[in-house]
Amino acid sequence: MPILEHIKESYLLWHEYYITLPKVHRYTVGEKIDTLFIEIIEAVSGAAYLPKDKKLPYISLAIRKLNTLTLLLMILWETQSLRDKKYIALSTKIDEAGKMLGGWMGQINKQNSPEAVSRTREK
C-alpha cells in the first residue's frame, strides 16, 4: 500500500533526526512526534484491511494525528532544535502523506455517498 510505505519512509527519516535532537526536546516533543508517527501507522494499516464503509474513521484519525505531528515539527524547527534542511526534508514527506490521506478520504467519501450506494444496489 503506497501510503503506508510513504509514512514508513517518513518515520525512518524522522528516526534519524530524533536521535540527534537536543535532550530538552528529545524526551518531550520528540517522543510525542515519535508516538504520533506510530499511531498514524496503526490507523492507516487498520484502515487498509477494513471494508470501505468502516475505513473513514481511521483515515480521519490519521489525518488529525498528521496535522498535530506537523505542528509539533514546526515547533522543533522554530526553537532551532531541528535544522532547516532536516525540517524541509521531513515536512515535504509529511505533506505528501497528507495529500495521499486526503485523496484516500475523498475516494472513500465518494464511494460511500448515497448516489454511489444506490447505484451499487441497482446492479
PDB file of N, CA and C in Angstrom:
ATOM      1  N   MET A   1       0.847  -1.165   0.000  1.00  0.00           N
ATOM      2  CA  MET A   1       0.000   0.000   0.000  1.00  0.00           C
ATOM      3  C   MET A   1       0.904   1.242   0.000  1.00  0.00           C
ATOM      4  N   PRO A   2       0.807   2.083  -1.021  1.00  0.00           N
ATOM      5  CA  PRO A   2       1.723   3.228  -1.180  1.00  0.00           C
ATOM      6  C   PRO A   2       1.709   4.215  -0.010  1.00  0.00           C
ATOM      7  N   ILE A   3       0.550   4.525   0.543  1.00  0.00           N
ATOM      8  CA  ILE A   3       0.506   5.492   1.639  1.00  0.00           C
ATOM      9  C   ILE A   3       1.227   4.955   2.860  1.00  0.00           C
ATOM     10  N   LEU A   4       1.066   3.693   3.143  1.00  0.00           N
ATOM     11  CA  LEU A   4       1.726   3.081   4.295  1.00  0.00           C
ATOM     12  C   LEU A   4       3.242   3.068   4.097  1.00  0.00           C
ATOM     13  N   GLU A   5       3.662   2.751   2.911  1.00  0.00           N
ATOM     14  CA  GLU A   5       5.099   2.764   2.596  1.00  0.00           C
ATOM     15  C   GLU A   5       5.669   4.177   2.737  1.00  0.00           C
ATOM     16  N   HIS A   6       4.922   5.160   2.281  1.00  0.00           N
ATOM     17  CA  HIS A   6       5.372   6.556   2.358  1.00  0.00           C
ATOM     18  C   HIS A   6       5.492   7.019   3.816  1.00  0.00           C
ATOM     19  N   ILE A   7       4.537   6.668   4.635  1.00  0.00           N
ATOM     20  CA  ILE A   7       4.582   7.041   6.047  1.00  0.00           C
ATOM     21  C   ILE A   7       5.735   6.308   6.747  1.00  0.00           C
ATOM     22  N   LYS A   8       5.957   5.070   6.389  1.00  0.00           N
ATOM     23  CA  LYS A   8       7.074   4.312   6.964  1.00  0.00           C
ATOM     24  C   LYS A   8       8.406   4.979   6.615  1.00  0.00           C
ATOM     25  N   GLU A   9       8.568   5.388   5.370  1.00  0.00           N
ATOM     26  CA  GLU A   9       9.792   6.080   4.951  1.00  0.00           C
ATOM     27  C   GLU A   9       9.958   7.395   5.715  1.00  0.00           C
ATOM     28  N   SER A  10       8.856   8.101   5.921  1.00  0.00           N
ATOM     29  CA  SER A  10       8.899   9.357   6.681  1.00  0.00           C
ATOM     30  C   SER A  10       9.328   9.084   8.120  1.00  0.00           C
ATOM     31  N   TYR A  11       8.805   8.016   8.690  1.00  0.00           N
ATOM     32  CA  TYR A  11       9.169   7.664  10.060  1.00  0.00           C
ATOM     33  C   TYR A  11      10.652   7.313  10.163  1.00  0.00           C
ATOM     34  N   LEU A  12      11.150   6.564   9.204  1.00  0.00           N
ATOM     35  CA  LEU A  12      12.571   6.193   9.235  1.00  0.00           C
ATOM     36  C   LEU A  12      13.455   7.438   9.142  1.00  0.00           C
ATOM     37  N   LEU A  13      13.058   8.405   8.333  1.00  0.00           N
ATOM     38  CA  LEU A  13      13.788   9.669   8.253  1.00  0.00           C
ATOM     39  C   LEU A  13      13.706  10.392   9.597  1.00  0.00           C
ATOM     40  N   TRP A  14      12.508  10.451  10.175  1.00  0.00           N
ATOM     41  CA  TRP A  14      12.334  11.079  11.481  1.00  0.00           C
ATOM     42  C   TRP A  14      13.236  10.420  12.518  1.00  0.00           C
ATOM     43  N   HIS A  15      13.317   9.100  12.484  1.00  0.00           N
ATOM     44  CA  HIS A  15      14.113   8.377  13.471  1.00  0.00           C
ATOM     45  C   HIS A  15      15.581   8.796  13.409  1.00  0.00           C
ATOM     46  N   GLU A  16      16.093   9.045  12.218  1.00  0.00           N
ATOM     47  CA  GLU A  16      17.470   9.543  12.075  1.00  0.00           C
ATOM     48  C   GLU A  16      17.633  10.885  12.783  1.00  0.00           C
ATOM     49  N   TYR A  17      16.624  11.741  12.654  1.00  0.00           N
ATOM     50  CA  TYR A  17      16.682  13.078  13.246  1.00  0.00           C
ATOM     51  C   TYR A  17      16.418  13.041  14.750  1.00  0.00           C
ATOM     52  N   TYR A  18      15.545  12.158  15.159  1.00  0.00           N
ATOM     53  CA  TYR A  18      15.129  12.061  16.560  1.00  0.00           C
ATOM     54  C   TYR A  18      16.322  11.843  17.485  1.00  0.00           C
ATOM     55  N   ILE A  19      17.212  10.958  17.106  1.00  0.00           N
ATOM     56  CA  ILE A  19      18.340  10.632  17.974  1.00  0.00           C
ATOM     57  C   ILE A  19      19.344  11.778  18.079  1.00  0.00           C
ATOM     58  N   THR A  20      19.234  12.790  17.214  1.00  0.00           N
ATOM     59  CA  THR A  20      20.150  13.922  17.274  1.00  0.00           C
ATOM     60  C   THR A  20      19.512  15.173  17.892  1.00  0.00           C
ATOM     61  N   LEU A  21      18.250  15.068  18.310  1.00  0.00           N
ATOM     62  CA  LEU A  21      17.585  16.219  18.931  1.00  0.00           C
ATOM     63  C   LEU A  21      18.246  16.559  20.260  1.00  0.00           C
ATOM     64  N   PRO A  22      18.248  17.836  20.617  1.00  0.00           N
ATOM     65  CA  PRO A  22      18.721  18.194  21.969  1.00  0.00           C
ATOM     66  C   PRO A  22      17.852  17.505  23.020  1.00  0.00           C
ATOM     67  N   LYS A  23      18.457  17.125  24.128  1.00  0.00           N
ATOM     68  CA  LYS A  23      17.736  16.390  25.179  1.00  0.00           C
ATOM     69  C   LYS A  23      16.490  17.121  25.648  1.00  0.00           C
ATOM     70  N   VAL A  24      16.533  18.438  25.678  1.00  0.00           N
ATOM     71  CA  VAL A  24      15.397  19.209  26.166  1.00  0.00           C
ATOM     72  C   VAL A  24      14.132  18.939  25.342  1.00  0.00           C
ATOM     73  N   HIS A  25      14.294  18.597  24.070  1.00  0.00           N
ATOM     74  CA  HIS A  25      13.143  18.298  23.216  1.00  0.00           C
ATOM     75  C   HIS A  25      13.013  16.818  22.871  1.00  0.00           C
ATOM     76  N   ARG A  26      14.094  16.077  22.970  1.00  0.00           N
ATOM     77  CA  ARG A  26      14.038  14.660  22.599  1.00  0.00           C
ATOM     78  C   ARG A  26      13.037  13.902  23.467  1.00  0.00           C
ATOM     79  N   TYR A  27      12.991  14.212  24.738  1.00  0.00           N
ATOM     80  CA  TYR A  27      12.148  13.462  25.663  1.00  0.00           C
ATOM     81  C   TYR A  27      10.794  14.101  25.915  1.00  0.00           C
ATOM     82  N   THR A  28      10.490  15.146  25.179  1.00  0.00           N
ATOM     83  CA  THR A  28       9.177  15.789  25.301  1.00  0.00           C
ATOM     84  C   THR A  28       8.510  15.792  23.930  1.00  0.00           C
ATOM     85  N   VAL A  29       8.752  16.828  23.174  1.00  0.00           N
ATOM     86  CA  VAL A  29       8.139  16.955  21.847  1.00  0.00           C
ATOM     87  C   VAL A  29       8.590  15.820  20.934  1.00  0.00           C
ATOM     88  N   GLY A  30       9.848  15.460  21.011  1.00  0.00           N
ATOM     89  CA  GLY A  30      10.374  14.383  20.166  1.00  0.00           C
ATOM     90  C   GLY A  30       9.669  13.058  20.411  1.00  0.00           C
ATOM     91  N   GLU A  31       9.470  12.725  21.682  1.00  0.00           N
ATOM     92  CA  GLU A  31       8.753  11.481  21.998  1.00  0.00           C
ATOM     93  C   GLU A  31       7.311  11.529  21.516  1.00  0.00           C
ATOM     94  N   LYS A  32       6.678  12.687  21.648  1.00  0.00           N
ATOM     95  CA  LYS A  32       5.286  12.819  21.194  1.00  0.00           C
ATOM     96  C   LYS A  32       5.206  12.641  19.680  1.00  0.00           C
ATOM     97  N   ILE A  33       6.141  13.225  18.945  1.00  0.00           N
ATOM     98  CA  ILE A  33       6.164  13.059  17.490  1.00  0.00           C
ATOM     99  C   ILE A  33       6.363  11.593  17.141  1.00  0.00           C
ATOM    100  N   ASP A  34       7.272  10.936  17.846  1.00  0.00           N
ATOM    101  CA  ASP A  34       7.513   9.516  17.611  1.00  0.00           C
ATOM    102  C   ASP A  34       6.238   8.705  17.837  1.00  0.00           C
ATOM    103  N   THR A  35       5.540   9.003  18.920  1.00  0.00           N
ATOM    104  CA  THR A  35       4.283   8.318  19.229  1.00  0.00           C
ATOM    105  C   THR A  35       3.234   8.591  18.163  1.00  0.00           C
ATOM    106  N   LEU A  36       3.143   9.843  17.709  1.00  0.00           N
ATOM    107  CA  LEU A  36       2.161  10.180  16.664  1.00  0.00           C
ATOM    108  C   LEU A  36       2.437   9.404  15.381  1.00  0.00           C
ATOM    109  N   PHE A  37       3.704   9.294  15.007  1.00  0.00           N
ATOM    110  CA  PHE A  37       4.046   8.511  13.809  1.00  0.00           C
ATOM    111  C   PHE A  37       3.530   7.080  13.954  1.00  0.00           C
ATOM    112  N   ILE A  38       3.757   6.473  15.095  1.00  0.00           N
ATOM    113  CA  ILE A  38       3.325   5.092  15.312  1.00  0.00           C
ATOM    114  C   ILE A  38       1.804   4.997  15.272  1.00  0.00           C
ATOM    115  N   GLU A  39       1.117   5.965  15.873  1.00  0.00           N
ATOM    116  CA  GLU A  39      -0.344   5.962  15.850  1.00  0.00           C
ATOM    117  C   GLU A  39      -0.889   6.161  14.435  1.00  0.00           C
ATOM    118  N   ILE A  40      -0.218   6.962  13.637  1.00  0.00           N
ATOM    119  CA  ILE A  40      -0.626   7.156  12.235  1.00  0.00           C
ATOM    120  C   ILE A  40      -0.458   5.847  11.469  1.00  0.00           C
ATOM    121  N   ILE A  41       0.671   5.187  11.683  1.00  0.00           N
ATOM    122  CA  ILE A  41       0.911   3.904  11.015  1.00  0.00           C
ATOM    123  C   ILE A  41      -0.166   2.896  11.423  1.00  0.00           C
ATOM    124  N   GLU A  42      -0.519   2.865  12.702  1.00  0.00           N
ATOM    125  CA  GLU A  42      -1.572   1.958  13.178  1.00  0.00           C
ATOM    126  C   GLU A  42      -2.911   2.271  12.514  1.00  0.00           C
ATOM    127  N   ALA A  43      -3.267   3.545  12.445  1.00  0.00           N
ATOM    128  CA  ALA A  43      -4.561   3.931  11.862  1.00  0.00           C
ATOM    129  C   ALA A  43      -4.618   3.584  10.374  1.00  0.00           C
ATOM    130  N   VAL A  44      -3.548   3.879   9.655  1.00  0.00           N
ATOM    131  CA  VAL A  44      -3.538   3.612   8.209  1.00  0.00           C
ATOM    132  C   VAL A  44      -3.541   2.107   7.942  1.00  0.00           C
ATOM    133  N   SER A  45      -2.737   1.363   8.691  1.00  0.00           N
ATOM    134  CA  SER A  45      -2.726  -0.091   8.455  1.00  0.00           C
ATOM    135  C   SER A  45      -4.054  -0.709   8.864  1.00  0.00           C
ATOM    136  N   GLY A  46      -4.689  -0.170   9.882  1.00  0.00           N
ATOM    137  CA  GLY A  46      -6.020  -0.651  10.266  1.00  0.00           C
ATOM    138  C   GLY A  46      -7.035  -0.382   9.180  1.00  0.00           C
ATOM    139  N   ALA A  47      -7.018   0.810   8.635  1.00  0.00           N
ATOM    140  CA  ALA A  47      -7.965   1.174   7.572  1.00  0.00           C
ATOM    141  C   ALA A  47      -7.762   0.328   6.323  1.00  0.00           C
ATOM    142  N   ALA A  48      -6.541  -0.053   6.068  1.00  0.00           N
ATOM    143  CA  ALA A  48      -6.237  -0.803   4.847  1.00  0.00           C
ATOM    144  C   ALA A  48      -6.981  -2.126   4.770  1.00  0.00           C
ATOM    145  N   TYR A  49      -7.286  -2.710   5.914  1.00  0.00           N
ATOM    146  CA  TYR A  49      -7.886  -4.046   5.921  1.00  0.00           C
ATOM    147  C   TYR A  49      -9.355  -4.065   6.316  1.00  0.00           C
ATOM    148  N   LEU A  50      -9.948  -2.884   6.381  1.00  0.00           N
ATOM    149  CA  LEU A  50     -11.362  -2.808   6.731  1.00  0.00           C
ATOM    150  C   LEU A  50     -12.233  -2.679   5.481  1.00  0.00           C
ATOM    151  N   PRO A  51     -13.525  -3.024   5.585  1.00  0.00           N
ATOM    152  CA  PRO A  51     -14.444  -2.779   4.467  1.00  0.00           C
ATOM    153  C   PRO A  51     -14.558  -1.266   4.231  1.00  0.00           C
ATOM    154  N   LYS A  52     -14.902  -0.894   3.011  1.00  0.00           N
ATOM    155  CA  LYS A  52     -14.961   0.519   2.619  1.00  0.00           C
ATOM    156  C   LYS A  52     -15.801   1.371   3.556  1.00  0.00           C
ATOM    157  N   ASP A  53     -16.894   0.837   4.023  1.00  0.00           N
ATOM    158  CA  ASP A  53     -17.783   1.636   4.867  1.00  0.00           C
ATOM    159  C   ASP A  53     -17.259   1.821   6.293  1.00  0.00           C
ATOM    160  N   LYS A  54     -16.152   1.173   6.651  1.00  0.00           N
ATOM    161  CA  LYS A  54     -15.580   1.279   8.002  1.00  0.00           C
ATOM    162  C   LYS A  54     -14.234   2.011   8.026  1.00  0.00           C
ATOM    163  N   LYS A  55     -13.706   2.387   6.878  1.00  0.00           N
ATOM    164  CA  LYS A  55     -12.374   2.988   6.783  1.00  0.00           C
ATOM    165  C   LYS A  55     -12.315   4.435   7.247  1.00  0.00           C
ATOM    166  N   LEU A  56     -13.368   5.183   7.006  1.00  0.00           N
ATOM    167  CA  LEU A  56     -13.346   6.630   7.200  1.00  0.00           C
ATOM    168  C   LEU A  56     -12.886   7.087   8.585  1.00  0.00           C
ATOM    169  N   PRO A  57     -13.356   6.509   9.687  1.00  0.00           N
ATOM    170  CA  PRO A  57     -12.882   6.972  10.998  1.00  0.00           C
ATOM    171  C   PRO A  57     -11.370   6.810  11.184  1.00  0.00           C
ATOM    172  N   TYR A  58     -10.812   5.752  10.627  1.00  0.00           N
ATOM    173  CA  TYR A  58      -9.378   5.504  10.750  1.00  0.00           C
ATOM    174  C   TYR A  58      -8.578   6.502   9.917  1.00  0.00           C
ATOM    175  N   ILE A  59      -9.074   6.794   8.729  1.00  0.00           N
ATOM    176  CA  ILE A  59      -8.392   7.768   7.878  1.00  0.00           C
ATOM    177  C   ILE A  59      -8.474   9.156   8.506  1.00  0.00           C
ATOM    178  N   SER A  60      -9.634   9.505   9.039  1.00  0.00           N
ATOM    179  CA  SER A  60      -9.794  10.801   9.716  1.00  0.00           C
ATOM    180  C   SER A  60      -8.842  10.913  10.903  1.00  0.00           C
ATOM    181  N   LEU A  61      -8.723   9.856  11.667  1.00  0.00           N
ATOM    182  CA  LEU A  61      -7.814   9.840  12.807  1.00  0.00           C
ATOM    183  C   LEU A  61      -6.372  10.052  12.346  1.00  0.00           C
ATOM    184  N   ALA A  62      -5.978   9.359  11.295  1.00  0.00           N
ATOM    185  CA  ALA A  62      -4.617   9.504  10.767  1.00  0.00           C
ATOM    186  C   ALA A  62      -4.365  10.941  10.316  1.00  0.00           C
ATOM    187  N   ILE A  63      -5.335  11.568   9.681  1.00  0.00           N
ATOM    188  CA  ILE A  63      -5.185  12.951   9.220  1.00  0.00           C
ATOM    189  C   ILE A  63      -5.047  13.898  10.413  1.00  0.00           C
ATOM    190  N   ARG A  64      -5.876  13.719  11.432  1.00  0.00           N
ATOM    191  CA  ARG A  64      -5.787  14.576  12.627  1.00  0.00           C
ATOM    192  C   ARG A  64      -4.419  14.443  13.295  1.00  0.00           C
ATOM    193  N   LYS A  65      -3.947  13.227  13.421  1.00  0.00           N
ATOM    194  CA  LYS A  65      -2.651  12.999  14.059  1.00  0.00           C
ATOM    195  C   LYS A  65      -1.515  13.545  13.196  1.00  0.00           C
ATOM    196  N   LEU A  66      -1.652  13.447  11.886  1.00  0.00           N
ATOM    197  CA  LEU A  66      -0.644  14.002  10.985  1.00  0.00           C
ATOM    198  C   LEU A  66      -0.598  15.522  11.099  1.00  0.00           C
ATOM    199  N   ASN A  67      -1.753  16.154  11.257  1.00  0.00           N
ATOM    200  CA  ASN A  67      -1.790  17.607  11.444  1.00  0.00           C
ATOM    201  C   ASN A  67      -1.090  18.012  12.741  1.00  0.00           C
ATOM    202  N   THR A  68      -1.313  17.265  13.804  1.00  0.00           N
ATOM    203  CA  THR A  68      -0.651  17.539  15.080  1.00  0.00           C
ATOM    204  C   THR A  68       0.848  17.340  14.946  1.00  0.00           C
ATOM    205  N   LEU A  69       1.237  16.265  14.284  1.00  0.00           N
ATOM    206  CA  LEU A  69       2.649  15.979  14.059  1.00  0.00           C
ATOM    207  C   LEU A  69       3.312  17.133  13.305  1.00  0.00           C
ATOM    208  N   THR A  70       2.642  17.648  12.297  1.00  0.00           N
ATOM    209  CA  THR A  70       3.162  18.768  11.505  1.00  0.00           C
ATOM    210  C   THR A  70       3.397  19.991  12.388  1.00  0.00           C
ATOM    211  N   LEU A  71       2.461  20.274  13.261  1.00  0.00           N
ATOM    212  CA  LEU A  71       2.582  21.419  14.156  1.00  0.00           C
ATOM    213  C   LEU A  71       3.746  21.237  15.132  1.00  0.00           C
ATOM    214  N   LEU A  72       3.896  20.049  15.679  1.00  0.00           N
ATOM    215  CA  LEU A  72       4.996  19.795  16.607  1.00  0.00           C
ATOM    216  C   LEU A  72       6.357  19.870  15.916  1.00  0.00           C
ATOM    217  N   LEU A  73       6.427  19.414  14.683  1.00  0.00           N
ATOM    218  CA  LEU A  73       7.674  19.553  13.926  1.00  0.00           C
ATOM    219  C   LEU A  73       8.011  21.026  13.703  1.00  0.00           C
ATOM    220  N   MET A  74       6.984  21.818  13.446  1.00  0.00           N
ATOM    221  CA  MET A  74       7.186  23.251  13.261  1.00  0.00           C
ATOM    222  C   MET A  74       7.740  23.874  14.545  1.00  0.00           C
ATOM    223  N   ILE A  75       7.242  23.423  15.684  1.00  0.00           N
ATOM    224  CA  ILE A  75       7.752  23.924  16.964  1.00  0.00           C
ATOM    225  C   ILE A  75       9.229  23.573  17.125  1.00  0.00           C
ATOM    226  N   LEU A  76       9.596  22.344  16.787  1.00  0.00           N
ATOM    227  CA  LEU A  76      11.011  21.960  16.854  1.00  0.00           C
ATOM    228  C   LEU A  76      11.864  22.836  15.952  1.00  0.00           C
ATOM    229  N   TRP A  77      11.368  23.121  14.778  1.00  0.00           N
ATOM    230  CA  TRP A  77      12.105  23.954  13.828  1.00  0.00           C
ATOM    231  C   TRP A  77      12.215  25.388  14.343  1.00  0.00           C
ATOM    232  N   GLU A  78      11.109  25.932  14.851  1.00  0.00           N
ATOM    233  CA  GLU A  78      11.114  27.313  15.335  1.00  0.00           C
ATOM    234  C   GLU A  78      11.987  27.492  16.574  1.00  0.00           C
ATOM    235  N   THR A  79      12.162  26.446  17.358  1.00  0.00           N
ATOM    236  CA  THR A  79      13.042  26.516  18.520  1.00  0.00           C
ATOM    237  C   THR A  79      14.475  26.118  18.154  1.00  0.00           C
ATOM    238  N   GLN A  80      14.710  25.908  16.900  1.00  0.00           N
ATOM    239  CA  GLN A  80      16.016  25.568  16.336  1.00  0.00           C
ATOM    240  C   GLN A  80      16.557  24.231  16.855  1.00  0.00           C
ATOM    241  N   SER A  81      15.652  23.358  17.241  1.00  0.00           N
ATOM    242  CA  SER A  81      16.051  22.006  17.618  1.00  0.00           C
ATOM    243  C   SER A  81      16.122  21.099  16.400  1.00  0.00           C
ATOM    244  N   LEU A  82      15.560  21.559  15.308  1.00  0.00           N
ATOM    245  CA  LEU A  82      15.576  20.825  14.047  1.00  0.00           C
ATOM    246  C   LEU A  82      16.052  21.794  12.973  1.00  0.00           C
ATOM    247  N   ARG A  83      17.133  21.467  12.333  1.00  0.00           N
ATOM    248  CA  ARG A  83      17.739  22.343  11.319  1.00  0.00           C
ATOM    249  C   ARG A  83      16.833  22.486  10.101  1.00  0.00           C
ATOM    250  N   ASP A  84      17.025  23.590   9.381  1.00  0.00           N
ATOM    251  CA  ASP A  84      16.207  23.903   8.199  1.00  0.00           C
ATOM    252  C   ASP A  84      16.149  22.736   7.212  1.00  0.00           C
ATOM    253  N   LYS A  85      17.307  22.211   6.865  1.00  0.00           N
ATOM    254  CA  LYS A  85      17.385  21.144   5.861  1.00  0.00           C
ATOM    255  C   LYS A  85      16.594  19.913   6.298  1.00  0.00           C
ATOM    256  N   LYS A  86      16.721  19.533   7.551  1.00  0.00           N
ATOM    257  CA  LYS A  86      16.010  18.370   8.076  1.00  0.00           C
ATOM    258  C   LYS A  86      14.500  18.641   8.128  1.00  0.00           C
ATOM    259  N   TYR A  87      14.150  19.844   8.566  1.00  0.00           N
ATOM    260  CA  TYR A  87      12.735  20.210   8.643  1.00  0.00           C
ATOM    261  C   TYR A  87      12.094  20.162   7.258  1.00  0.00           C
ATOM    262  N   ILE A  88      12.778  20.714   6.279  1.00  0.00           N
ATOM    263  CA  ILE A  88      12.241  20.735   4.908  1.00  0.00           C
ATOM    264  C   ILE A  88      12.094  19.314   4.371  1.00  0.00           C
ATOM    265  N   ALA A  89      13.109  18.495   4.569  1.00  0.00           N
ATOM    266  CA  ALA A  89      13.054  17.112   4.069  1.00  0.00           C
ATOM    267  C   ALA A  89      11.895  16.350   4.694  1.00  0.00           C
ATOM    268  N   LEU A  90      11.729  16.495   5.987  1.00  0.00           N
ATOM    269  CA  LEU A  90      10.677  15.762   6.683  1.00  0.00           C
ATOM    270  C   LEU A  90       9.297  16.328   6.389  1.00  0.00           C
ATOM    271  N   SER A  91       9.164  17.640   6.402  1.00  0.00           N
ATOM    272  CA  SER A  91       7.843  18.233   6.171  1.00  0.00           C
ATOM    273  C   SER A  91       7.377  18.001   4.732  1.00  0.00           C
ATOM    274  N   THR A  92       8.302  17.913   3.786  1.00  0.00           N
ATOM    275  CA  THR A  92       7.923  17.599   2.409  1.00  0.00           C
ATOM    276  C   THR A  92       7.308  16.207   2.331  1.00  0.00           C
ATOM    277  N   LYS A  93       7.939  15.249   3.004  1.00  0.00           N
ATOM    278  CA  LYS A  93       7.405  13.879   3.014  1.00  0.00           C
ATOM    279  C   LYS A  93       6.047  13.818   3.725  1.00  0.00           C
ATOM    280  N   ILE A  94       5.918  14.554   4.811  1.00  0.00           N
ATOM    281  CA  ILE A  94       4.673  14.545   5.576  1.00  0.00           C
ATOM    282  C   ILE A  94       3.553  15.234   4.801  1.00  0.00           C
ATOM    283  N   ASP A  95       3.880  16.313   4.100  1.00  0.00           N
ATOM    284  CA  ASP A  95       2.874  16.972   3.251  1.00  0.00           C
ATOM    285  C   ASP A  95       2.359  16.019   2.183  1.00  0.00           C
ATOM    286  N   GLU A  96       3.263  15.271   1.593  1.00  0.00           N
ATOM    287  CA  GLU A  96       2.871  14.292   0.571  1.00  0.00           C
ATOM    288  C   GLU A  96       1.959  13.222   1.175  1.00  0.00           C
ATOM    289  N   ALA A  97       2.296  12.760   2.371  1.00  0.00           N
ATOM    290  CA  ALA A  97       1.451  11.770   3.051  1.00  0.00           C
ATOM    291  C   ALA A  97       0.073  12.363   3.327  1.00  0.00           C
ATOM    292  N   GLY A  98       0.022  13.631   3.704  1.00  0.00           N
ATOM    293  CA  GLY A  98      -1.254  14.295   3.945  1.00  0.00           C
ATOM    294  C   GLY A  98      -2.110  14.356   2.694  1.00  0.00           C
ATOM    295  N   LYS A  99      -1.477  14.640   1.566  1.00  0.00           N
ATOM    296  CA  LYS A  99      -2.206  14.667   0.293  1.00  0.00           C
ATOM    297  C   LYS A  99      -2.743  13.283  -0.054  1.00  0.00           C
ATOM    298  N   MET A 100      -1.933  12.274   0.199  1.00  0.00           N
ATOM    299  CA  MET A 100      -2.370  10.906  -0.089  1.00  0.00           C
ATOM    300  C   MET A 100      -3.551  10.518   0.807  1.00  0.00           C
ATOM    301  N   LEU A 101      -3.463  10.869   2.089  1.00  0.00           N
ATOM    302  CA  LEU A 101      -4.565  10.568   3.002  1.00  0.00           C
ATOM    303  C   LEU A 101      -5.822  11.335   2.612  1.00  0.00           C
ATOM    304  N   GLY A 102      -5.667  12.599   2.238  1.00  0.00           N
ATOM    305  CA  GLY A 102      -6.808  13.397   1.800  1.00  0.00           C
ATOM    306  C   GLY A 102      -7.465  12.814   0.561  1.00  0.00           C
ATOM    307  N   GLY A 103      -6.642  12.355  -0.373  1.00  0.00           N
ATOM    308  CA  GLY A 103      -7.171  11.720  -1.582  1.00  0.00           C
ATOM    309  C   GLY A 103      -7.909  10.433  -1.265  1.00  0.00           C
ATOM    310  N   TRP A 104      -7.355   9.658  -0.355  1.00  0.00           N
ATOM    311  CA  TRP A 104      -7.990   8.409   0.056  1.00  0.00           C
ATOM    312  C   TRP A 104      -9.320   8.699   0.726  1.00  0.00           C
ATOM    313  N   MET A 105      -9.339   9.718   1.579  1.00  0.00           N
ATOM    314  CA  MET A 105     -10.578  10.093   2.260  1.00  0.00           C
ATOM    315  C   MET A 105     -11.635  10.548   1.250  1.00  0.00           C
ATOM    316  N   GLY A 106     -11.229  11.335   0.272  1.00  0.00           N
ATOM    317  CA  GLY A 106     -12.156  11.781  -0.765  1.00  0.00           C
ATOM    318  C   GLY A 106     -12.727  10.616  -1.556  1.00  0.00           C
ATOM    319  N   GLN A 107     -11.870   9.671  -1.872  1.00  0.00           N
ATOM    320  CA  GLN A 107     -12.296   8.483  -2.611  1.00  0.00           C
ATOM    321  C   GLN A 107     -13.304   7.668  -1.791  1.00  0.00           C
ATOM    322  N   ILE A 108     -13.033   7.492  -0.514  1.00  0.00           N
ATOM    323  CA  ILE A 108     -13.944   6.740   0.353  1.00  0.00           C
ATOM    324  C   ILE A 108     -15.270   7.481   0.494  1.00  0.00           C
ATOM    325  N   ASN A 109     -15.202   8.799   0.672  1.00  0.00           N
ATOM    326  CA  ASN A 109     -16.432   9.597   0.768  1.00  0.00           C
ATOM    327  C   ASN A 109     -17.277   9.454  -0.495  1.00  0.00           C
ATOM    328  N   LYS A 110     -16.611   9.469  -1.640  1.00  0.00           N
ATOM    329  CA  LYS A 110     -17.321   9.342  -2.913  1.00  0.00           C
ATOM    330  C   LYS A 110     -17.964   7.955  -3.033  1.00  0.00           C
ATOM    331  N   GLN A 111     -17.230   6.924  -2.633  1.00  0.00           N
ATOM    332  CA  GLN A 111     -17.745   5.554  -2.710  1.00  0.00           C
ATOM    333  C   GLN A 111     -18.883   5.314  -1.725  1.00  0.00           C
ATOM    334  N   ASN A 112     -18.862   6.032  -0.614  1.00  0.00           N
ATOM    335  CA  ASN A 112     -19.892   5.853   0.409  1.00  0.00           C
ATOM    336  C   ASN A 112     -21.035   6.853   0.281  1.00  0.00           C
ATOM    337  N   SER A 113     -21.001   7.687  -0.760  1.00  0.00           N
ATOM    338  CA  SER A 113     -22.064   8.679  -0.935  1.00  0.00           C
ATOM    339  C   SER A 113     -23.383   7.973  -1.253  1.00  0.00           C
ATOM    340  N   PRO A 114     -24.505   8.610  -0.932  1.00  0.00           N
ATOM    341  CA  PRO A 114     -25.812   7.988  -1.204  1.00  0.00           C
ATOM    342  C   PRO A 114     -25.997   7.606  -2.678  1.00  0.00           C
ATOM    343  N   GLU A 115     -25.455   8.431  -3.589  1.00  0.00           N
ATOM    344  CA  GLU A 115     -25.595   8.123  -5.025  1.00  0.00           C
ATOM    345  C   GLU A 115     -24.836   6.854  -5.383  1.00  0.00           C
ATOM    346  N   ALA A 116     -23.608   6.726  -4.855  1.00  0.00           N
ATOM    347  CA  ALA A 116     -22.800   5.553  -5.163  1.00  0.00           C
ATOM    348  C   ALA A 116     -23.405   4.288  -4.543  1.00  0.00           C
ATOM    349  N   VAL A 117     -23.928   4.417  -3.353  1.00  0.00           N
ATOM    350  CA  VAL A 117     -24.551   3.268  -2.694  1.00  0.00           C
ATOM    351  C   VAL A 117     -25.805   2.826  -3.461  1.00  0.00           C
ATOM    352  N   SER A 118     -26.624   3.798  -3.912  1.00  0.00           N
ATOM    353  CA  SER A 118     -27.837   3.422  -4.650  1.00  0.00           C
ATOM    354  C   SER A 118     -27.493   2.815  -6.009  1.00  0.00           C
ATOM    355  N   ARG A 119     -26.432   3.281  -6.658  1.00  0.00           N
ATOM    356  CA  ARG A 119     -26.018   2.683  -7.926  1.00  0.00           C
ATOM    357  C   ARG A 119     -25.548   1.254  -7.725  1.00  0.00           C
ATOM    358  N   THR A 120     -24.875   1.000  -6.615  1.00  0.00           N
ATOM    359  CA  THR A 120     -24.398  -0.360  -6.330  1.00  0.00           C
ATOM    360  C   THR A 120     -25.584  -1.284  -6.098  1.00  0.00           C
ATOM    361  N   ARG A 121     -26.601  -0.780  -5.441  1.00  0.00           N
ATOM    362  CA  ARG A 121     -27.789  -1.616  -5.164  1.00  0.00           C
ATOM    363  C   ARG A 121     -28.567  -1.915  -6.432  1.00  0.00           C
ATOM    364  N   GLU A 122     -28.529  -0.973  -7.402  1.00  0.00           N
ATOM    365  CA  GLU A 122     -29.269  -1.162  -8.653  1.00  0.00           C
ATOM    366  C   GLU A 122     -28.666  -2.262  -9.523  1.00  0.00           C
ATOM    367  N   LYS A 123     -27.387  -2.520  -9.351  1.00  0.00           N
ATOM    368  CA  LYS A 123     -26.696  -3.504 -10.208  1.00  0.00           C
ATOM    369  C   LYS A 123     -27.022  -4.871  -9.833  1.00  0.00           C
TER     370      LYS A 123
END
